[in-house]
Amino acid sequence: MILIVPIGDVEGHIVDGVAGFVGAYYSKLGIQVEVADSLPDSEFKNAYNPARGQFLGRAFLPVLAGIGKTSEAMAVLGITSLDLYEEGLNFIFGLAHSGLGAAVISTFRLRPEFYGEPPDPELLVERAIKEAMHELGHVFGLGHCPRRECVMHFSNSIIDTDIKGTTYCPSCEARLKENLGVIP
């Protein structure tokens, strides 16, 4: 099972959109998706860096991994609206750790209004789906893909996210199935 964990005030349509897409894709591989109760933002107050006004992404992963162990999930995906970063990077859209079986994505910089555009709930959900599929790919052992249309292509900016698709290219999907032990 993949467990999706909303963190703080994440809009229901985002969680539902991600859970629906990820669930439809991974159910074909024999993996179900469930949505857990929301975790309060206060769980991650120690991750806040006041000098940056952002939260350190890696601090979310052990908490999510602990939830995964308790629920016996093979992967846990946190969704937050908090602005995340990693050392050496200005920001991150998401982060994953395959050894922990945990990933987190942030909707903060996926919002069109962050870039001075009008709100677009459908575009926001599409971007969140792409980042969720990307980080789950990392959880299941996939690296970055050179194909720009593959969801495993690295997003250096929102333009990269918008260009790539929502699913894995044939090569990445084959590796994913192999990593998951899915027999073709």
N, C-alpha and C. Protein backbone atom coordinates (compact mmCIF):
# COMPACT_ATOMS: atom_id res chain seq x y z
N MET A 1 0.83 -1.17 0.00
CA MET A 1 0.00 0.00 0.00
C MET A 1 0.88 1.25 0.00
N ILE A 2 0.41 2.27 -0.73
CA ILE A 2 1.00 3.61 -0.67
C ILE A 2 0.06 4.45 0.18
N LEU A 3 0.62 5.09 1.20
CA LEU A 3 -0.17 5.93 2.08
C LEU A 3 0.13 7.39 1.79
N ILE A 4 -0.90 8.16 1.53
CA ILE A 4 -0.76 9.59 1.28
C ILE A 4 -1.16 10.33 2.55
N VAL A 5 -0.25 11.21 3.00
CA VAL A 5 -0.47 11.91 4.27
C VAL A 5 -0.48 13.42 4.03
N PRO A 6 -1.66 14.05 4.13
CA PRO A 6 -1.69 15.51 4.05
C PRO A 6 -1.01 16.10 5.28
N ILE A 7 -0.27 17.18 5.08
CA ILE A 7 0.43 17.84 6.18
C ILE A 7 -0.06 19.28 6.24
N GLY A 8 -0.75 19.62 7.33
CA GLY A 8 -1.27 20.96 7.49
C GLY A 8 -2.48 21.20 6.61
N ASP A 9 -2.61 22.44 6.17
CA ASP A 9 -3.79 22.85 5.39
C ASP A 9 -3.58 22.64 3.90
N VAL A 10 -3.72 21.40 3.47
CA VAL A 10 -3.64 21.08 2.04
C VAL A 10 -5.07 20.93 1.54
N GLU A 11 -5.40 21.63 0.48
CA GLU A 11 -6.76 21.58 -0.04
C GLU A 11 -7.15 20.15 -0.43
N GLY A 12 -8.38 19.80 -0.10
CA GLY A 12 -8.89 18.45 -0.37
C GLY A 12 -8.84 18.06 -1.83
N HIS A 13 -9.08 19.02 -2.74
CA HIS A 13 -9.07 18.67 -4.16
C HIS A 13 -7.67 18.27 -4.63
N ILE A 14 -6.63 18.80 -3.98
CA ILE A 14 -5.27 18.40 -4.34
C ILE A 14 -5.01 16.98 -3.87
N VAL A 15 -5.34 16.70 -2.62
CA VAL A 15 -5.15 15.36 -2.07
C VAL A 15 -5.97 14.35 -2.87
N ASP A 16 -7.22 14.68 -3.15
CA ASP A 16 -8.08 13.77 -3.91
C ASP A 16 -7.54 13.54 -5.32
N GLY A 17 -7.08 14.61 -5.97
CA GLY A 17 -6.54 14.47 -7.32
C GLY A 17 -5.30 13.60 -7.37
N VAL A 18 -4.38 13.83 -6.42
CA VAL A 18 -3.16 13.02 -6.36
C VAL A 18 -3.51 11.58 -6.02
N ALA A 19 -4.34 11.38 -5.01
CA ALA A 19 -4.70 10.01 -4.59
C ALA A 19 -5.42 9.27 -5.72
N GLY A 20 -6.28 9.97 -6.44
CA GLY A 20 -6.99 9.33 -7.54
C GLY A 20 -6.07 8.90 -8.66
N PHE A 21 -5.16 9.78 -9.07
CA PHE A 21 -4.25 9.45 -10.17
C PHE A 21 -3.26 8.37 -9.75
N VAL A 22 -2.60 8.58 -8.61
CA VAL A 22 -1.62 7.60 -8.14
C VAL A 22 -2.30 6.25 -7.90
N GLY A 23 -3.49 6.29 -7.33
CA GLY A 23 -4.23 5.05 -7.09
C GLY A 23 -4.57 4.31 -8.37
N ALA A 24 -5.03 5.04 -9.38
CA ALA A 24 -5.37 4.42 -10.66
C ALA A 24 -4.13 3.81 -11.31
N TYR A 25 -3.00 4.52 -11.26
CA TYR A 25 -1.77 4.01 -11.88
C TYR A 25 -1.24 2.79 -11.13
N TYR A 26 -1.05 2.94 -9.84
CA TYR A 26 -0.39 1.87 -9.07
C TYR A 26 -1.30 0.66 -8.83
N SER A 27 -2.62 0.85 -8.92
CA SER A 27 -3.51 -0.32 -8.76
C SER A 27 -3.28 -1.32 -9.89
N LYS A 28 -2.85 -0.83 -11.07
CA LYS A 28 -2.53 -1.73 -12.19
C LYS A 28 -1.30 -2.57 -11.87
N LEU A 29 -0.51 -2.11 -10.89
CA LEU A 29 0.68 -2.86 -10.47
C LEU A 29 0.41 -3.65 -9.18
N GLY A 30 -0.85 -3.68 -8.77
CA GLY A 30 -1.23 -4.43 -7.59
C GLY A 30 -1.01 -3.71 -6.27
N ILE A 31 -0.85 -2.39 -6.33
CA ILE A 31 -0.59 -1.60 -5.12
C ILE A 31 -1.76 -0.63 -4.91
N GLN A 32 -2.35 -0.71 -3.74
CA GLN A 32 -3.47 0.16 -3.41
C GLN A 32 -2.95 1.46 -2.78
N VAL A 33 -3.79 2.49 -2.82
CA VAL A 33 -3.47 3.78 -2.24
C VAL A 33 -4.53 4.13 -1.22
N GLU A 34 -4.07 4.62 -0.08
CA GLU A 34 -4.97 5.10 0.96
C GLU A 34 -4.54 6.50 1.39
N VAL A 35 -5.49 7.28 1.89
CA VAL A 35 -5.20 8.61 2.41
C VAL A 35 -5.37 8.57 3.92
N ALA A 36 -4.34 9.04 4.62
CA ALA A 36 -4.35 9.07 6.08
C ALA A 36 -4.93 10.39 6.58
N ASP A 37 -5.14 10.46 7.87
CA ASP A 37 -5.53 11.72 8.49
C ASP A 37 -4.40 12.72 8.35
N SER A 38 -4.75 13.98 8.35
CA SER A 38 -3.75 15.05 8.20
C SER A 38 -2.87 15.17 9.44
N LEU A 39 -1.60 15.45 9.20
CA LEU A 39 -0.66 15.77 10.28
C LEU A 39 -0.63 17.29 10.45
N PRO A 40 -0.55 17.78 11.67
CA PRO A 40 -0.44 19.24 11.84
C PRO A 40 0.94 19.74 11.43
N ASP A 41 0.97 20.97 10.90
CA ASP A 41 2.25 21.61 10.55
C ASP A 41 3.20 21.65 11.74
N SER A 42 2.65 21.74 12.93
CA SER A 42 3.47 21.87 14.14
C SER A 42 4.40 20.67 14.36
N GLU A 43 4.08 19.54 13.74
CA GLU A 43 4.97 18.37 13.81
C GLU A 43 6.36 18.69 13.25
N PHE A 44 6.45 19.72 12.42
CA PHE A 44 7.68 20.00 11.69
C PHE A 44 8.25 21.38 12.03
N LYS A 45 7.87 21.94 13.19
CA LYS A 45 8.36 23.27 13.56
C LYS A 45 9.88 23.32 13.67
N ASN A 46 10.51 22.20 14.03
CA ASN A 46 11.98 22.17 14.13
C ASN A 46 12.66 22.22 12.76
N ALA A 47 11.89 21.97 11.70
CA ALA A 47 12.44 22.01 10.35
C ALA A 47 12.47 23.42 9.78
N TYR A 48 11.85 24.35 10.49
CA TYR A 48 11.75 25.72 9.97
C TYR A 48 13.07 26.47 10.12
N ASN A 49 13.48 27.12 9.02
CA ASN A 49 14.68 27.94 9.01
C ASN A 49 14.23 29.39 8.86
N PRO A 50 14.23 30.16 9.98
CA PRO A 50 13.72 31.53 9.90
C PRO A 50 14.52 32.44 8.97
N ALA A 51 15.80 32.17 8.80
CA ALA A 51 16.61 32.99 7.89
C ALA A 51 16.14 32.83 6.45
N ARG A 52 15.65 31.66 6.12
CA ARG A 52 15.19 31.39 4.75
C ARG A 52 13.68 31.53 4.61
N GLY A 53 12.96 31.40 5.72
CA GLY A 53 11.50 31.39 5.66
C GLY A 53 10.98 30.11 5.02
N GLN A 54 11.75 29.03 5.13
CA GLN A 54 11.41 27.75 4.50
C GLN A 54 11.64 26.61 5.49
N PHE A 55 11.16 25.43 5.11
CA PHE A 55 11.30 24.23 5.92
C PHE A 55 12.26 23.25 5.24
N LEU A 56 13.15 22.65 6.01
CA LEU A 56 14.10 21.68 5.49
C LEU A 56 13.35 20.39 5.13
N GLY A 57 13.38 20.04 3.86
CA GLY A 57 12.61 18.90 3.36
C GLY A 57 12.95 17.58 4.02
N ARG A 58 14.23 17.34 4.24
CA ARG A 58 14.64 16.04 4.78
C ARG A 58 14.08 15.77 6.18
N ALA A 59 13.69 16.81 6.91
CA ALA A 59 13.14 16.63 8.25
C ALA A 59 11.77 15.96 8.22
N PHE A 60 11.10 16.00 7.10
CA PHE A 60 9.77 15.40 6.97
C PHE A 60 9.85 13.87 6.80
N LEU A 61 10.93 13.40 6.21
CA LEU A 61 11.00 11.99 5.80
C LEU A 61 11.00 11.00 6.96
N PRO A 62 11.76 11.20 8.05
CA PRO A 62 11.70 10.23 9.15
C PRO A 62 10.31 10.14 9.80
N VAL A 63 9.63 11.28 9.91
CA VAL A 63 8.28 11.27 10.48
C VAL A 63 7.34 10.46 9.59
N LEU A 64 7.42 10.71 8.29
CA LEU A 64 6.58 9.97 7.34
C LEU A 64 6.94 8.49 7.33
N ALA A 65 8.24 8.18 7.41
CA ALA A 65 8.67 6.78 7.44
C ALA A 65 8.12 6.07 8.67
N GLY A 66 8.08 6.76 9.81
CA GLY A 66 7.51 6.18 11.02
C GLY A 66 6.05 5.85 10.86
N ILE A 67 5.31 6.71 10.18
CA ILE A 67 3.89 6.45 9.90
C ILE A 67 3.77 5.24 8.99
N GLY A 68 4.69 5.14 8.03
CA GLY A 68 4.68 4.00 7.11
C GLY A 68 4.89 2.67 7.83
N LYS A 69 5.81 2.66 8.79
CA LYS A 69 6.06 1.42 9.55
C LYS A 69 4.85 1.04 10.37
N THR A 70 4.22 2.02 11.01
CA THR A 70 3.04 1.76 11.83
C THR A 70 1.89 1.22 11.00
N SER A 71 1.73 1.77 9.80
CA SER A 71 0.61 1.37 8.94
C SER A 71 0.96 0.23 7.99
N GLU A 72 2.21 -0.21 8.02
CA GLU A 72 2.71 -1.26 7.12
C GLU A 72 2.60 -0.88 5.65
N ALA A 73 2.76 0.42 5.37
CA ALA A 73 2.76 0.89 3.99
C ALA A 73 4.13 0.65 3.38
N MET A 74 4.16 0.35 2.09
CA MET A 74 5.44 0.18 1.40
C MET A 74 6.04 1.53 1.02
N ALA A 75 5.20 2.57 0.98
CA ALA A 75 5.66 3.92 0.70
C ALA A 75 4.68 4.90 1.33
N VAL A 76 5.23 6.02 1.80
CA VAL A 76 4.41 7.10 2.35
C VAL A 76 4.76 8.38 1.61
N LEU A 77 3.73 9.07 1.16
CA LEU A 77 3.90 10.34 0.45
C LEU A 77 3.21 11.44 1.23
N GLY A 78 4.00 12.39 1.74
CA GLY A 78 3.43 13.55 2.39
C GLY A 78 3.17 14.64 1.38
N ILE A 79 2.07 15.38 1.58
CA ILE A 79 1.75 16.53 0.73
C ILE A 79 1.58 17.73 1.65
N THR A 80 2.39 18.76 1.42
CA THR A 80 2.33 19.96 2.25
C THR A 80 2.24 21.20 1.37
N SER A 81 1.72 22.27 1.98
CA SER A 81 1.71 23.56 1.29
C SER A 81 2.86 24.44 1.78
N LEU A 82 3.70 23.90 2.67
CA LEU A 82 4.86 24.63 3.19
C LEU A 82 5.95 24.71 2.12
N ASP A 83 6.73 25.78 2.15
CA ASP A 83 7.83 25.97 1.21
C ASP A 83 9.03 25.16 1.69
N LEU A 84 9.52 24.24 0.87
CA LEU A 84 10.61 23.34 1.25
C LEU A 84 11.91 23.71 0.55
N TYR A 85 13.02 23.35 1.20
CA TYR A 85 14.34 23.53 0.61
C TYR A 85 15.23 22.39 1.05
N GLU A 86 16.37 22.27 0.41
CA GLU A 86 17.46 21.39 0.83
C GLU A 86 18.73 22.22 0.79
N GLU A 87 19.70 21.83 1.59
CA GLU A 87 20.97 22.55 1.62
C GLU A 87 21.55 22.61 0.20
N GLY A 88 22.00 23.79 -0.19
CA GLY A 88 22.58 23.97 -1.51
C GLY A 88 21.57 24.26 -2.60
N LEU A 89 20.29 24.24 -2.27
CA LEU A 89 19.24 24.51 -3.26
C LEU A 89 18.35 25.64 -2.75
N ASN A 90 17.86 26.46 -3.66
CA ASN A 90 16.96 27.54 -3.28
C ASN A 90 15.61 27.02 -2.80
N PHE A 91 15.15 25.93 -3.40
CA PHE A 91 13.87 25.33 -3.05
C PHE A 91 13.83 23.93 -3.63
N ILE A 92 12.85 23.15 -3.20
CA ILE A 92 12.56 21.86 -3.83
C ILE A 92 11.05 21.71 -3.99
N PHE A 93 10.67 21.04 -5.06
CA PHE A 93 9.26 20.68 -5.24
C PHE A 93 8.94 19.44 -4.42
N GLY A 94 9.93 18.60 -4.19
CA GLY A 94 9.72 17.38 -3.44
C GLY A 94 11.04 16.69 -3.15
N LEU A 95 10.96 15.65 -2.35
CA LEU A 95 12.14 14.91 -1.92
C LEU A 95 11.71 13.50 -1.56
N ALA A 96 12.59 12.52 -1.82
CA ALA A 96 12.28 11.13 -1.49
C ALA A 96 13.52 10.43 -0.97
N HIS A 97 13.29 9.38 -0.21
CA HIS A 97 14.37 8.52 0.29
C HIS A 97 13.89 7.08 0.17
N SER A 98 14.50 6.33 -0.75
CA SER A 98 14.03 4.96 -0.98
C SER A 98 14.25 4.07 0.23
N GLY A 99 15.35 4.27 0.96
CA GLY A 99 15.62 3.45 2.13
C GLY A 99 14.59 3.62 3.23
N LEU A 100 14.03 4.82 3.32
CA LEU A 100 12.99 5.10 4.32
C LEU A 100 11.60 4.79 3.80
N GLY A 101 11.48 4.67 2.48
CA GLY A 101 10.16 4.43 1.89
C GLY A 101 9.26 5.65 2.04
N ALA A 102 9.87 6.84 2.04
CA ALA A 102 9.11 8.06 2.29
C ALA A 102 9.46 9.15 1.30
N ALA A 103 8.47 9.98 1.02
CA ALA A 103 8.64 11.13 0.14
C ALA A 103 7.72 12.25 0.60
N VAL A 104 8.06 13.47 0.20
CA VAL A 104 7.21 14.61 0.48
C VAL A 104 7.22 15.52 -0.74
N ILE A 105 6.06 16.11 -1.03
CA ILE A 105 5.98 17.12 -2.07
C ILE A 105 5.38 18.38 -1.47
N SER A 106 5.73 19.51 -2.06
CA SER A 106 5.22 20.80 -1.63
C SER A 106 4.43 21.45 -2.76
N THR A 107 3.26 21.95 -2.43
CA THR A 107 2.46 22.66 -3.43
C THR A 107 2.79 24.15 -3.48
N PHE A 108 3.64 24.62 -2.59
CA PHE A 108 3.92 26.05 -2.44
C PHE A 108 4.32 26.68 -3.77
N ARG A 109 5.29 26.10 -4.45
CA ARG A 109 5.79 26.67 -5.71
C ARG A 109 5.16 26.02 -6.94
N LEU A 110 4.17 25.17 -6.73
CA LEU A 110 3.43 24.60 -7.85
C LEU A 110 2.23 25.47 -8.22
N ARG A 111 1.89 26.39 -7.35
CA ARG A 111 0.73 27.25 -7.57
C ARG A 111 1.02 28.29 -8.65
N PRO A 112 0.13 28.42 -9.63
CA PRO A 112 0.35 29.45 -10.67
C PRO A 112 0.50 30.85 -10.07
N GLU A 113 -0.22 31.14 -9.00
CA GLU A 113 -0.16 32.48 -8.41
C GLU A 113 1.22 32.79 -7.82
N PHE A 114 2.01 31.77 -7.52
CA PHE A 114 3.39 32.01 -7.07
C PHE A 114 4.19 32.72 -8.16
N TYR A 115 3.80 32.46 -9.42
CA TYR A 115 4.50 33.04 -10.58
C TYR A 115 3.76 34.24 -11.16
N GLY A 116 2.83 34.81 -10.37
CA GLY A 116 2.11 35.99 -10.81
C GLY A 116 0.96 35.71 -11.75
N GLU A 117 0.56 34.45 -11.88
CA GLU A 117 -0.54 34.07 -12.75
C GLU A 117 -1.80 33.87 -11.92
N PRO A 118 -2.97 33.89 -12.56
CA PRO A 118 -4.20 33.65 -11.79
C PRO A 118 -4.27 32.21 -11.28
N PRO A 119 -4.96 31.99 -10.17
CA PRO A 119 -5.11 30.62 -9.68
C PRO A 119 -5.73 29.71 -10.74
N ASP A 120 -5.24 28.48 -10.79
CA ASP A 120 -5.74 27.49 -11.74
C ASP A 120 -5.72 26.14 -11.02
N PRO A 121 -6.84 25.79 -10.37
CA PRO A 121 -6.88 24.56 -9.58
C PRO A 121 -6.52 23.30 -10.37
N GLU A 122 -6.92 23.24 -11.62
CA GLU A 122 -6.61 22.05 -12.43
C GLU A 122 -5.11 21.94 -12.71
N LEU A 123 -4.48 23.06 -13.04
CA LEU A 123 -3.04 23.06 -13.29
C LEU A 123 -2.28 22.71 -12.01
N LEU A 124 -2.73 23.22 -10.88
CA LEU A 124 -2.10 22.92 -9.59
C LEU A 124 -2.17 21.42 -9.30
N VAL A 125 -3.31 20.81 -9.51
CA VAL A 125 -3.44 19.37 -9.28
C VAL A 125 -2.56 18.59 -10.25
N GLU A 126 -2.52 19.00 -11.52
CA GLU A 126 -1.66 18.31 -12.49
C GLU A 126 -0.19 18.38 -12.08
N ARG A 127 0.25 19.54 -11.64
CA ARG A 127 1.63 19.68 -11.19
C ARG A 127 1.89 18.82 -9.95
N ALA A 128 0.95 18.78 -9.02
CA ALA A 128 1.10 17.97 -7.81
C ALA A 128 1.17 16.48 -8.16
N ILE A 129 0.37 16.05 -9.13
CA ILE A 129 0.41 14.65 -9.58
C ILE A 129 1.79 14.33 -10.15
N LYS A 130 2.31 15.21 -10.97
CA LYS A 130 3.63 14.98 -11.57
C LYS A 130 4.70 14.85 -10.49
N GLU A 131 4.68 15.73 -9.50
CA GLU A 131 5.69 15.65 -8.43
C GLU A 131 5.48 14.42 -7.56
N ALA A 132 4.24 14.04 -7.32
CA ALA A 132 3.96 12.83 -6.53
C ALA A 132 4.48 11.58 -7.25
N MET A 133 4.17 11.48 -8.53
CA MET A 133 4.63 10.32 -9.31
C MET A 133 6.16 10.30 -9.38
N HIS A 134 6.77 11.47 -9.52
CA HIS A 134 8.23 11.57 -9.58
C HIS A 134 8.85 11.08 -8.27
N GLU A 135 8.38 11.60 -7.15
CA GLU A 135 8.98 11.22 -5.87
C GLU A 135 8.70 9.76 -5.52
N LEU A 136 7.53 9.26 -5.87
CA LEU A 136 7.26 7.83 -5.65
C LEU A 136 8.18 6.98 -6.52
N GLY A 137 8.48 7.45 -7.72
CA GLY A 137 9.45 6.74 -8.56
C GLY A 137 10.79 6.62 -7.85
N HIS A 138 11.23 7.70 -7.21
CA HIS A 138 12.48 7.65 -6.43
C HIS A 138 12.37 6.67 -5.27
N VAL A 139 11.24 6.69 -4.56
CA VAL A 139 11.04 5.75 -3.45
C VAL A 139 11.22 4.32 -3.95
N PHE A 140 10.73 4.04 -5.14
CA PHE A 140 10.80 2.69 -5.70
C PHE A 140 12.05 2.46 -6.55
N GLY A 141 13.07 3.28 -6.34
CA GLY A 141 14.39 3.01 -6.91
C GLY A 141 14.70 3.60 -8.26
N LEU A 142 13.87 4.49 -8.79
CA LEU A 142 14.15 5.10 -10.08
C LEU A 142 15.01 6.35 -9.91
N GLY A 143 15.89 6.57 -10.86
CA GLY A 143 16.69 7.80 -10.90
C GLY A 143 16.06 8.78 -11.87
N HIS A 144 16.76 9.87 -12.11
CA HIS A 144 16.26 10.86 -13.07
C HIS A 144 16.42 10.33 -14.49
N CYS A 145 15.49 10.72 -15.34
CA CYS A 145 15.44 10.24 -16.72
C CYS A 145 15.80 11.40 -17.66
N PRO A 146 16.58 11.13 -18.70
CA PRO A 146 16.93 12.20 -19.65
C PRO A 146 15.76 12.60 -20.57
N ARG A 147 14.72 11.78 -20.63
CA ARG A 147 13.58 12.10 -21.51
C ARG A 147 12.72 13.17 -20.87
N ARG A 148 12.60 14.31 -21.54
CA ARG A 148 11.86 15.45 -20.97
C ARG A 148 10.39 15.16 -20.74
N GLU A 149 9.82 14.21 -21.48
CA GLU A 149 8.39 13.92 -21.31
C GLU A 149 8.13 12.94 -20.17
N CYS A 150 9.17 12.29 -19.67
CA CYS A 150 9.02 11.30 -18.59
C CYS A 150 8.85 12.02 -17.26
N VAL A 151 7.98 11.51 -16.44
CA VAL A 151 7.74 12.11 -15.12
C VAL A 151 8.99 12.04 -14.24
N MET A 152 9.95 11.19 -14.58
CA MET A 152 11.19 11.10 -13.81
C MET A 152 12.26 12.10 -14.27
N HIS A 153 11.92 12.92 -15.25
CA HIS A 153 12.85 13.98 -15.66
C HIS A 153 12.98 14.98 -14.52
N PHE A 154 14.20 15.47 -14.26
CA PHE A 154 14.44 16.42 -13.18
C PHE A 154 13.79 17.76 -13.49
N SER A 155 13.09 18.32 -12.50
CA SER A 155 12.49 19.64 -12.66
C SER A 155 13.35 20.68 -11.95
N ASN A 156 14.06 21.45 -12.74
CA ASN A 156 14.86 22.53 -12.21
C ASN A 156 14.02 23.80 -12.03
N SER A 157 12.89 23.83 -12.71
CA SER A 157 11.97 24.97 -12.62
C SER A 157 10.57 24.47 -12.94
N ILE A 158 9.59 25.35 -12.72
CA ILE A 158 8.20 24.97 -13.00
C ILE A 158 8.00 24.69 -14.49
N ILE A 159 8.82 25.30 -15.34
CA ILE A 159 8.73 25.04 -16.78
C ILE A 159 9.01 23.58 -17.07
N ASP A 160 10.03 23.01 -16.41
CA ASP A 160 10.34 21.59 -16.57
C ASP A 160 9.18 20.72 -16.12
N THR A 161 8.56 21.11 -15.01
CA THR A 161 7.41 20.35 -14.50
C THR A 161 6.27 20.39 -15.50
N ASP A 162 6.01 21.56 -16.07
CA ASP A 162 4.91 21.68 -17.02
C ASP A 162 5.17 20.90 -18.31
N ILE A 163 6.42 20.77 -18.72
CA ILE A 163 6.74 20.07 -19.97
C ILE A 163 6.58 18.56 -19.82
N LYS A 164 6.99 18.02 -18.69
CA LYS A 164 6.97 16.56 -18.56
C LYS A 164 5.55 16.03 -18.38
N GLY A 165 5.41 14.74 -18.67
CA GLY A 165 4.12 14.08 -18.53
C GLY A 165 3.86 13.62 -17.11
N THR A 166 2.75 12.92 -16.93
CA THR A 166 2.36 12.46 -15.61
C THR A 166 2.77 11.01 -15.34
N THR A 167 3.30 10.34 -16.36
CA THR A 167 3.64 8.92 -16.18
C THR A 167 5.09 8.65 -16.58
N TYR A 168 5.51 7.44 -16.30
CA TYR A 168 6.87 7.00 -16.57
C TYR A 168 7.01 6.62 -18.04
N CYS A 169 8.17 6.92 -18.63
CA CYS A 169 8.45 6.49 -19.99
C CYS A 169 8.56 4.95 -19.98
N PRO A 170 8.55 4.30 -21.14
CA PRO A 170 8.62 2.84 -21.16
C PRO A 170 9.83 2.27 -20.42
N SER A 171 10.99 2.91 -20.52
CA SER A 171 12.19 2.40 -19.83
C SER A 171 12.04 2.51 -18.32
N CYS A 172 11.57 3.65 -17.85
CA CYS A 172 11.40 3.84 -16.40
C CYS A 172 10.30 2.93 -15.87
N GLU A 173 9.23 2.77 -16.64
CA GLU A 173 8.15 1.88 -16.19
C GLU A 173 8.64 0.44 -16.10
N ALA A 174 9.46 0.02 -17.04
CA ALA A 174 10.01 -1.34 -16.99
C ALA A 174 10.88 -1.52 -15.75
N ARG A 175 11.71 -0.52 -15.44
CA ARG A 175 12.55 -0.59 -14.22
C ARG A 175 11.68 -0.59 -12.97
N LEU A 176 10.64 0.23 -12.98
CA LEU A 176 9.72 0.29 -11.85
C LEU A 176 9.09 -1.08 -11.59
N LYS A 177 8.59 -1.69 -12.66
CA LYS A 177 7.97 -3.01 -12.52
C LYS A 177 8.98 -4.04 -12.02
N GLU A 178 10.19 -3.96 -12.53
CA GLU A 178 11.24 -4.87 -12.07
C GLU A 178 11.53 -4.64 -10.59
N ASN A 179 11.68 -3.38 -10.20
CA ASN A 179 11.96 -3.05 -8.79
C ASN A 179 10.85 -3.50 -7.86
N LEU A 180 9.61 -3.45 -8.35
CA LEU A 180 8.46 -3.84 -7.55
C LEU A 180 8.17 -5.34 -7.63
N GLY A 181 8.89 -6.04 -8.48
CA GLY A 181 8.65 -7.47 -8.64
C GLY A 181 7.38 -7.80 -9.40
N VAL A 182 6.93 -6.86 -10.24
CA VAL A 182 5.72 -7.08 -11.04
C VAL A 182 6.12 -7.87 -12.28
N ILE A 183 5.42 -8.96 -12.49
CA ILE A 183 5.73 -9.83 -13.64
C ILE A 183 4.95 -9.31 -14.85
N PRO A 184 5.67 -9.03 -15.95
CA PRO A 184 4.99 -8.50 -17.15
C PRO A 184 4.05 -9.49 -17.78
